[in-house]
Amino acid sequence: VVTGVAQYPEHILETLSESHKVVSIDAMAEAKKLGNARVF
């Protein structure tokens, strides 16, 4: 994706939710709230 050879797929979580039980969290945002991104 970085080199432009491919595109990052859109709507991944929605697609996965169609056939799987998905629990998602923006752990990076939550870790930043704690003041340390590395604990995501």
All heavy atoms as atom14 arrays in JSON, in Angstrom:
{
  "sequence": "VVTGVAQYPEHILETLSESHKVVSIDAMAEAKKLGNARVF",
  "atom14_mask": [
    [1, 1, 1, 1, 1, 1, 1, 0, 0, 0, 0, 0, 0, 0],
    [1, 1, 1, 1, 1, 1, 1, 0, 0, 0, 0, 0, 0, 0],
    [1, 1, 1, 1, 1, 1, 1, 0, 0, 0, 0, 0, 0, 0],
    [1, 1, 1, 1, 0, 0, 0, 0, 0, 0, 0, 0, 0, 0],
    [1, 1, 1, 1, 1, 1, 1, 0, 0, 0, 0, 0, 0, 0],
    [1, 1, 1, 1, 1, 0, 0, 0, 0, 0, 0, 0, 0, 0],
    [1, 1, 1, 1, 1, 1, 1, 1, 1, 0, 0, 0, 0, 0],
    [1, 1, 1, 1, 1, 1, 1, 1, 1, 1, 1, 1, 0, 0],
    [1, 1, 1, 1, 1, 1, 1, 0, 0, 0, 0, 0, 0, 0],
    [1, 1, 1, 1, 1, 1, 1, 1, 1, 0, 0, 0, 0, 0],
    [1, 1, 1, 1, 1, 1, 1, 1, 1, 1, 0, 0, 0, 0],
    [1, 1, 1, 1, 1, 1, 1, 1, 0, 0, 0, 0, 0, 0],
    [1, 1, 1, 1, 1, 1, 1, 1, 0, 0, 0, 0, 0, 0],
    [1, 1, 1, 1, 1, 1, 1, 1, 1, 0, 0, 0, 0, 0],
    [1, 1, 1, 1, 1, 1, 1, 0, 0, 0, 0, 0, 0, 0],
    [1, 1, 1, 1, 1, 1, 1, 1, 0, 0, 0, 0, 0, 0],
    [1, 1, 1, 1, 1, 1, 0, 0, 0, 0, 0, 0, 0, 0],
    [1, 1, 1, 1, 1, 1, 1, 1, 1, 0, 0, 0, 0, 0],
    [1, 1, 1, 1, 1, 1, 0, 0, 0, 0, 0, 0, 0, 0],
    [1, 1, 1, 1, 1, 1, 1, 1, 1, 1, 0, 0, 0, 0],
    [1, 1, 1, 1, 1, 1, 1, 1, 1, 0, 0, 0, 0, 0],
    [1, 1, 1, 1, 1, 1, 1, 0, 0, 0, 0, 0, 0, 0],
    [1, 1, 1, 1, 1, 1, 1, 0, 0, 0, 0, 0, 0, 0],
    [1, 1, 1, 1, 1, 1, 0, 0, 0, 0, 0, 0, 0, 0],
    [1, 1, 1, 1, 1, 1, 1, 1, 0, 0, 0, 0, 0, 0],
    [1, 1, 1, 1, 1, 1, 1, 1, 0, 0, 0, 0, 0, 0],
    [1, 1, 1, 1, 1, 0, 0, 0, 0, 0, 0, 0, 0, 0],
    [1, 1, 1, 1, 1, 1, 1, 1, 0, 0, 0, 0, 0, 0],
    [1, 1, 1, 1, 1, 0, 0, 0, 0, 0, 0, 0, 0, 0],
    [1, 1, 1, 1, 1, 1, 1, 1, 1, 0, 0, 0, 0, 0],
    [1, 1, 1, 1, 1, 0, 0, 0, 0, 0, 0, 0, 0, 0],
    [1, 1, 1, 1, 1, 1, 1, 1, 1, 0, 0, 0, 0, 0],
    [1, 1, 1, 1, 1, 1, 1, 1, 1, 0, 0, 0, 0, 0],
    [1, 1, 1, 1, 1, 1, 1, 1, 0, 0, 0, 0, 0, 0],
    [1, 1, 1, 1, 0, 0, 0, 0, 0, 0, 0, 0, 0, 0],
    [1, 1, 1, 1, 1, 1, 1, 1, 0, 0, 0, 0, 0, 0],
    [1, 1, 1, 1, 1, 0, 0, 0, 0, 0, 0, 0, 0, 0],
    [1, 1, 1, 1, 1, 1, 1, 1, 1, 1, 1, 0, 0, 0],
    [1, 1, 1, 1, 1, 1, 1, 0, 0, 0, 0, 0, 0, 0],
    [1, 1, 1, 1, 1, 1, 1, 1, 1, 1, 1, 0, 0, 0]
  ],
  "atom14_positions": [
    [[0.85, -1.2, 0.0], [0.0, 0.0, 0.0], [0.88, 1.25, 0.0], [0.63, 2.2, -0.75], [-0.97, 0.0, 1.2], [-1.71, 1.34, 1.31], [-1.97, -1.16, 1.07], [0.0, 0.0, 0.0], [0.0, 0.0, 0.0], [0.0, 0.0, 0.0], [0.0, 0.0, 0.0], [0.0, 0.0, 0.0], [0.0, 0.0, 0.0], [0.0, 0.0, 0.0]],
    [[1.92, 1.23, 0.83], [2.84, 2.37, 0.91], [3.45, 2.68, -0.46], [3.56, 3.84, -0.86], [3.96, 2.1, 1.95], [5.02, 3.18, 1.92], [3.35, 2.0, 3.35], [0.0, 0.0, 0.0], [0.0, 0.0, 0.0], [0.0, 0.0, 0.0], [0.0, 0.0, 0.0], [0.0, 0.0, 0.0], [0.0, 0.0, 0.0], [0.0, 0.0, 0.0]],
    [[3.81, 1.64, -1.19], [4.46, 1.83, -2.5], [3.47, 2.04, -3.64], [3.88, 2.23, -4.78], [5.38, 0.64, -2.83], [4.59, -0.55, -2.83], [6.53, 0.53, -1.84], [0.0, 0.0, 0.0], [0.0, 0.0, 0.0], [0.0, 0.0, 0.0], [0.0, 0.0, 0.0], [0.0, 0.0, 0.0], [0.0, 0.0, 0.0], [0.0, 0.0, 0.0]],
    [[2.17, 1.94, -3.34], [1.16, 2.19, -4.36], [0.8, 0.98, -5.2], [0.04, 1.09, -6.17], [0.0, 0.0, 0.0], [0.0, 0.0, 0.0], [0.0, 0.0, 0.0], [0.0, 0.0, 0.0], [0.0, 0.0, 0.0], [0.0, 0.0, 0.0], [0.0, 0.0, 0.0], [0.0, 0.0, 0.0], [0.0, 0.0, 0.0], [0.0, 0.0, 0.0]],
    [[1.32, -0.19, -4.87], [1.03, -1.41, -5.63], [-0.39, -1.91, -5.33], [-1.04, -2.49, -6.18], [2.07, -2.51, -5.29], [1.71, -3.83, -5.95], [3.46, -2.07, -5.69], [0.0, 0.0, 0.0], [0.0, 0.0, 0.0], [0.0, 0.0, 0.0], [0.0, 0.0, 0.0], [0.0, 0.0, 0.0], [0.0, 0.0, 0.0], [0.0, 0.0, 0.0]],
    [[-0.86, -1.66, -4.11], [-2.19, -2.14, -3.7], [-2.9, -1.05, -2.91], [-2.26, -0.08, -2.49], [-2.04, -3.39, -2.84], [0.0, 0.0, 0.0], [0.0, 0.0, 0.0], [0.0, 0.0, 0.0], [0.0, 0.0, 0.0], [0.0, 0.0, 0.0], [0.0, 0.0, 0.0], [0.0, 0.0, 0.0], [0.0, 0.0, 0.0], [0.0, 0.0, 0.0]],
    [[-4.21, -1.22, -2.74], [-4.99, -0.29, -1.92], [-5.42, -1.0, -0.65], [-5.72, -2.2, -0.66], [-6.23, 0.19, -2.67], [-5.94, 1.25, -3.7], [-7.25, 1.88, -4.19], [-8.2, 1.17, -4.48], [-7.27, 3.19, -4.26], [0.0, 0.0, 0.0], [0.0, 0.0, 0.0], [0.0, 0.0, 0.0], [0.0, 0.0, 0.0], [0.0, 0.0, 0.0]],
    [[-5.48, -0.24, 0.44], [-5.96, -0.79, 1.71], [-7.48, -0.98, 1.59], [-8.19, -0.06, 1.21], [-5.64, 0.18, 2.85], [-5.73, -0.43, 4.22], [-4.6, -0.95, 4.84], [-6.93, -0.48, 4.91], [-4.67, -1.5, 6.1], [-7.02, -1.04, 6.16], [-5.88, -1.55, 6.76], [-5.96, -2.11, 8.02], [0.0, 0.0, 0.0], [0.0, 0.0, 0.0]],
    [[-7.98, -2.17, 1.89], [-9.43, -2.43, 1.75], [-10.26, -1.52, 2.67], [-9.84, -1.21, 3.78], [-9.59, -3.89, 2.17], [-8.22, -4.47, 2.14], [-7.26, -3.34, 2.36], [0.0, 0.0, 0.0], [0.0, 0.0, 0.0], [0.0, 0.0, 0.0], [0.0, 0.0, 0.0], [0.0, 0.0, 0.0], [0.0, 0.0, 0.0], [0.0, 0.0, 0.0]],
    [[-11.43, -1.16, 2.19], [-12.34, -0.35, 2.99], [-13.34, -1.25, 3.71], [-13.57, -2.38, 3.3], [-13.08, 0.65, 2.09], [-12.16, 1.68, 1.47], [-12.92, 2.71, 0.64], [-14.17, 2.74, 0.71], [-12.26, 3.47, -0.08], [0.0, 0.0, 0.0], [0.0, 0.0, 0.0], [0.0, 0.0, 0.0], [0.0, 0.0, 0.0], [0.0, 0.0, 0.0]],
    [[-13.93, -0.74, 4.78], [-15.03, -1.4, 5.5], [-14.66, -2.8, 6.02], [-15.49, -3.71, 6.0], [-16.29, -1.48, 4.63], [-16.64, -0.19, 3.95], [-17.0, 0.94, 4.66], [-16.64, 0.17, 2.65], [-17.23, 1.93, 3.82], [-17.01, 1.49, 2.59], [0.0, 0.0, 0.0], [0.0, 0.0, 0.0], [0.0, 0.0, 0.0], [0.0, 0.0, 0.0]],
    [[-13.44, -2.96, 6.48], [-12.98, -4.27, 6.96], [-13.83, -4.77, 8.13], [-14.29, -5.91, 8.13], [-11.49, -4.24, 7.34], [-10.63, -4.1, 6.07], [-11.1, -5.47, 8.14], [-9.15, -3.93, 6.34], [0.0, 0.0, 0.0], [0.0, 0.0, 0.0], [0.0, 0.0, 0.0], [0.0, 0.0, 0.0], [0.0, 0.0, 0.0], [0.0, 0.0, 0.0]],
    [[-14.05, -3.92, 9.13], [-14.8, -4.37, 10.32], [-16.23, -4.75, 9.96], [-16.76, -5.75, 10.46], [-14.78, -3.29, 11.41], [-13.4, -3.01, 12.01], [-13.48, -1.87, 13.01], [-12.82, -4.25, 12.67], [0.0, 0.0, 0.0], [0.0, 0.0, 0.0], [0.0, 0.0, 0.0], [0.0, 0.0, 0.0], [0.0, 0.0, 0.0], [0.0, 0.0, 0.0]],
    [[-16.85, -3.97, 9.08], [-18.21, -4.28, 8.66], [-18.26, -5.61, 7.91], [-19.15, -6.44, 8.14], [-18.77, -3.16, 7.76], [-18.94, -1.83, 8.45], [-17.67, -0.98, 8.51], [-16.57, -1.47, 8.15], [-17.78, 0.19, 8.93], [0.0, 0.0, 0.0], [0.0, 0.0, 0.0], [0.0, 0.0, 0.0], [0.0, 0.0, 0.0], [0.0, 0.0, 0.0]],
    [[-17.29, -5.83, 7.03], [-17.24, -7.07, 6.26], [-17.04, -8.27, 7.2], [-17.72, -9.29, 7.06], [-16.09, -7.01, 5.22], [-16.32, -5.89, 4.36], [-16.02, -8.28, 4.4], [0.0, 0.0, 0.0], [0.0, 0.0, 0.0], [0.0, 0.0, 0.0], [0.0, 0.0, 0.0], [0.0, 0.0, 0.0], [0.0, 0.0, 0.0], [0.0, 0.0, 0.0]],
    [[-16.11, -8.15, 8.15], [-15.87, -9.24, 9.09], [-17.1, -9.53, 9.95], [-17.38, -10.68, 10.27], [-14.67, -8.91, 9.98], [-13.3, -8.96, 9.3], [-12.24, -8.38, 10.22], [-12.95, -10.38, 8.89], [0.0, 0.0, 0.0], [0.0, 0.0, 0.0], [0.0, 0.0, 0.0], [0.0, 0.0, 0.0], [0.0, 0.0, 0.0], [0.0, 0.0, 0.0]],
    [[-17.84, -8.48, 10.31], [-19.02, -8.63, 11.17], [-20.14, -9.41, 10.49], [-21.02, -9.93, 11.16], [-19.55, -7.25, 11.6], [-18.61, -6.62, 12.43], [0.0, 0.0, 0.0], [0.0, 0.0, 0.0], [0.0, 0.0, 0.0], [0.0, 0.0, 0.0], [0.0, 0.0, 0.0], [0.0, 0.0, 0.0], [0.0, 0.0, 0.0], [0.0, 0.0, 0.0]],
    [[-20.11, -9.49, 9.18], [-21.14, -10.23, 8.45], [-21.07, -11.73, 8.74], [-22.09, -12.41, 8.7], [-21.01, -9.98, 6.95], [-21.38, -8.56, 6.55], [-21.04, -8.25, 5.1], [-20.66, -9.18, 4.34], [-21.14, -7.07, 4.73], [0.0, 0.0, 0.0], [0.0, 0.0, 0.0], [0.0, 0.0, 0.0], [0.0, 0.0, 0.0], [0.0, 0.0, 0.0]],
    [[-19.88, -12.25, 9.02], [-19.75, -13.69, 9.22], [-19.07, -14.08, 10.53], [-18.9, -15.27, 10.8], [-18.98, -14.3, 8.04], [-17.76, -13.63, 7.85], [0.0, 0.0, 0.0], [0.0, 0.0, 0.0], [0.0, 0.0, 0.0], [0.0, 0.0, 0.0], [0.0, 0.0, 0.0], [0.0, 0.0, 0.0], [0.0, 0.0, 0.0], [0.0, 0.0, 0.0]],
    [[-18.69, -13.09, 11.36], [-18.0, -13.4, 12.62], [-18.51, -12.5, 13.74], [-19.01, -11.41, 13.49], [-16.49, -13.15, 12.48], [-15.84, -13.95, 11.4], [-15.64, -15.31, 11.49], [-15.36, -13.59, 10.19], [-15.05, -15.74, 10.39], [-14.88, -14.72, 9.58], [0.0, 0.0, 0.0], [0.0, 0.0, 0.0], [0.0, 0.0, 0.0], [0.0, 0.0, 0.0]],
    [[-18.36, -12.98, 14.97], [-18.62, -12.12, 16.13], [-17.38, -11.25, 16.3], [-16.3, -11.76, 16.61], [-18.88, -12.96, 17.38], [-19.13, -12.09, 18.6], [-19.34, -12.89, 19.86], [-19.53, -11.94, 21.03], [-19.56, -12.65, 22.3], [0.0, 0.0, 0.0], [0.0, 0.0, 0.0], [0.0, 0.0, 0.0], [0.0, 0.0, 0.0], [0.0, 0.0, 0.0]],
    [[-17.53, -9.95, 16.08], [-16.4, -9.03, 16.12], [-16.56, -8.07, 17.3], [-17.62, -7.46, 17.49], [-16.31, -8.21, 14.81], [-15.2, -7.17, 14.9], [-16.07, -9.15, 13.62], [0.0, 0.0, 0.0], [0.0, 0.0, 0.0], [0.0, 0.0, 0.0], [0.0, 0.0, 0.0], [0.0, 0.0, 0.0], [0.0, 0.0, 0.0], [0.0, 0.0, 0.0]],
    [[-15.5, -7.95, 18.09], [-15.43, -6.96, 19.15], [-14.27, -6.04, 18.76], [-13.13, -6.49, 18.66], [-15.15, -7.6, 20.52], [-15.04, -6.53, 21.6], [-16.23, -8.62, 20.87], [0.0, 0.0, 0.0], [0.0, 0.0, 0.0], [0.0, 0.0, 0.0], [0.0, 0.0, 0.0], [0.0, 0.0, 0.0], [0.0, 0.0, 0.0], [0.0, 0.0, 0.0]],
    [[-14.58, -4.76, 18.5], [-13.5, -3.87, 18.09], [-13.34, -2.74, 19.09], [-14.29, -2.36, 19.78], [-13.77, -3.28, 16.69], [-14.88, -2.4, 16.73], [0.0, 0.0, 0.0], [0.0, 0.0, 0.0], [0.0, 0.0, 0.0], [0.0, 0.0, 0.0], [0.0, 0.0, 0.0], [0.0, 0.0, 0.0], [0.0, 0.0, 0.0], [0.0, 0.0, 0.0]],
    [[-12.12, -2.24, 19.18], [-11.8, -1.14, 20.07], [-10.67, -0.34, 19.42], [-9.78, -0.92, 18.79], [-11.37, -1.64, 21.48], [-11.1, -0.46, 22.42], [-10.18, -2.59, 21.39], [-10.9, -0.87, 23.88], [0.0, 0.0, 0.0], [0.0, 0.0, 0.0], [0.0, 0.0, 0.0], [0.0, 0.0, 0.0], [0.0, 0.0, 0.0], [0.0, 0.0, 0.0]],
    [[-10.73, 0.96, 19.55], [-9.61, 1.8, 19.11], [-8.65, 1.88, 20.29], [-8.65, 2.83, 21.07], [-10.09, 3.19, 18.69], [-8.98, 4.04, 18.1], [-7.78, 3.7, 18.3], [-9.28, 5.05, 17.45], [0.0, 0.0, 0.0], [0.0, 0.0, 0.0], [0.0, 0.0, 0.0], [0.0, 0.0, 0.0], [0.0, 0.0, 0.0], [0.0, 0.0, 0.0]],
    [[-7.85, 0.83, 20.43], [-6.97, 0.7, 21.6], [-5.89, 1.77, 21.62], [-5.46, 2.19, 22.69], [-6.35, -0.69, 21.63], [0.0, 0.0, 0.0], [0.0, 0.0, 0.0], [0.0, 0.0, 0.0], [0.0, 0.0, 0.0], [0.0, 0.0, 0.0], [0.0, 0.0, 0.0], [0.0, 0.0, 0.0], [0.0, 0.0, 0.0], [0.0, 0.0, 0.0]],
    [[-5.46, 2.23, 20.44], [-4.44, 3.27, 20.41], [-4.98, 4.56, 21.01], [-4.3, 5.22, 21.81], [-3.95, 3.49, 18.97], [-2.76, 4.42, 18.88], [-1.3, 3.85, 19.82], [-0.7, 2.57, 18.73], [0.0, 0.0, 0.0], [0.0, 0.0, 0.0], [0.0, 0.0, 0.0], [0.0, 0.0, 0.0], [0.0, 0.0, 0.0], [0.0, 0.0, 0.0]],
    [[-6.2, 4.93, 20.66], [-6.81, 6.15, 21.22], [-6.96, 6.02, 22.73], [-6.69, 6.96, 23.49], [-8.16, 6.41, 20.57], [0.0, 0.0, 0.0], [0.0, 0.0, 0.0], [0.0, 0.0, 0.0], [0.0, 0.0, 0.0], [0.0, 0.0, 0.0], [0.0, 0.0, 0.0], [0.0, 0.0, 0.0], [0.0, 0.0, 0.0], [0.0, 0.0, 0.0]],
    [[-7.39, 4.83, 23.2], [-7.55, 4.61, 24.64], [-6.2, 4.67, 25.35], [-6.08, 5.22, 26.44], [-8.23, 3.27, 24.9], [-9.66, 3.19, 24.41], [-10.59, 4.19, 25.1], [-10.42, 4.43, 26.31], [-11.47, 4.74, 24.42], [0.0, 0.0, 0.0], [0.0, 0.0, 0.0], [0.0, 0.0, 0.0], [0.0, 0.0, 0.0], [0.0, 0.0, 0.0]],
    [[-5.16, 4.11, 24.73], [-3.82, 4.13, 25.33], [-3.3, 5.56, 25.43], [-2.68, 5.94, 26.43], [-2.87, 3.26, 24.51], [0.0, 0.0, 0.0], [0.0, 0.0, 0.0], [0.0, 0.0, 0.0], [0.0, 0.0, 0.0], [0.0, 0.0, 0.0], [0.0, 0.0, 0.0], [0.0, 0.0, 0.0], [0.0, 0.0, 0.0], [0.0, 0.0, 0.0]],
    [[-3.56, 6.36, 24.41], [-3.12, 7.77, 24.43], [-3.82, 8.53, 25.55], [-3.22, 9.4, 26.19], [-3.35, 8.43, 23.08], [-2.35, 7.93, 22.04], [-2.6, 8.53, 20.67], [-1.57, 8.01, 19.67], [-1.88, 8.43, 18.29], [0.0, 0.0, 0.0], [0.0, 0.0, 0.0], [0.0, 0.0, 0.0], [0.0, 0.0, 0.0], [0.0, 0.0, 0.0]],
    [[-5.08, 8.19, 25.83], [-5.79, 8.81, 26.96], [-5.09, 8.5, 28.28], [-5.12, 9.29, 29.21], [-7.24, 8.33, 27.03], [-8.15, 8.88, 25.96], [-9.57, 8.34, 26.18], [-10.42, 8.49, 24.95], [-11.7, 7.79, 25.08], [0.0, 0.0, 0.0], [0.0, 0.0, 0.0], [0.0, 0.0, 0.0], [0.0, 0.0, 0.0], [0.0, 0.0, 0.0]],
    [[-4.5, 7.31, 28.36], [-3.75, 6.92, 29.57], [-2.37, 7.56, 29.61], [-1.67, 7.46, 30.62], [-3.6, 5.39, 29.63], [-4.86, 4.59, 29.9], [-4.57, 3.09, 29.78], [-5.44, 4.91, 31.27], [0.0, 0.0, 0.0], [0.0, 0.0, 0.0], [0.0, 0.0, 0.0], [0.0, 0.0, 0.0], [0.0, 0.0, 0.0], [0.0, 0.0, 0.0]],
    [[-1.96, 8.16, 28.49], [-0.66, 8.83, 28.45], [0.49, 7.97, 27.97], [1.64, 8.36, 28.09], [0.0, 0.0, 0.0], [0.0, 0.0, 0.0], [0.0, 0.0, 0.0], [0.0, 0.0, 0.0], [0.0, 0.0, 0.0], [0.0, 0.0, 0.0], [0.0, 0.0, 0.0], [0.0, 0.0, 0.0], [0.0, 0.0, 0.0], [0.0, 0.0, 0.0]],
    [[0.19, 6.76, 27.43], [1.26, 5.89, 26.96], [0.74, 5.02, 25.81], [0.09, 4.0, 26.04], [1.77, 5.01, 28.11], [2.98, 4.18, 27.71], [3.22, 3.92, 26.54], [3.75, 3.77, 28.7], [0.0, 0.0, 0.0], [0.0, 0.0, 0.0], [0.0, 0.0, 0.0], [0.0, 0.0, 0.0], [0.0, 0.0, 0.0], [0.0, 0.0, 0.0]],
    [[1.02, 5.44, 24.59], [0.52, 4.73, 23.4], [1.0, 3.28, 23.34], [0.36, 2.43, 22.72], [0.94, 5.47, 22.13], [0.0, 0.0, 0.0], [0.0, 0.0, 0.0], [0.0, 0.0, 0.0], [0.0, 0.0, 0.0], [0.0, 0.0, 0.0], [0.0, 0.0, 0.0], [0.0, 0.0, 0.0], [0.0, 0.0, 0.0], [0.0, 0.0, 0.0]],
    [[2.12, 2.99, 23.99], [2.68, 1.64, 23.89], [1.88, 0.57, 24.63], [2.11, -0.62, 24.44], [4.13, 1.64, 24.38], [5.01, 2.41, 23.41], [6.47, 2.45, 23.71], [6.95, 1.59, 24.75], [8.07, 1.77, 25.41], [8.81, 2.81, 25.14], [8.46, 0.93, 26.33], [0.0, 0.0, 0.0], [0.0, 0.0, 0.0], [0.0, 0.0, 0.0]],
    [[0.93, 0.97, 25.48], [0.16, -0.03, 26.23], [-1.13, -0.42, 25.51], [-1.98, -1.1, 26.08], [-0.15, 0.42, 27.68], [1.14, 0.6, 28.47], [-1.01, 1.67, 27.72], [0.0, 0.0, 0.0], [0.0, 0.0, 0.0], [0.0, 0.0, 0.0], [0.0, 0.0, 0.0], [0.0, 0.0, 0.0], [0.0, 0.0, 0.0], [0.0, 0.0, 0.0]],
    [[-1.27, -0.04, 24.23], [-2.5, -0.38, 23.51], [-2.71, -1.89, 23.47], [-3.85, -2.37, 23.52], [-2.5, 0.23, 22.09], [-1.73, -0.57, 21.09], [-2.36, -1.51, 20.31], [-0.37, -0.37, 20.94], [-1.64, -2.26, 19.39], [0.35, -1.1, 20.03], [-0.28, -2.06, 19.25], [0.0, 0.0, 0.0], [0.0, 0.0, 0.0], [0.0, 0.0, 0.0]]
  ]
}
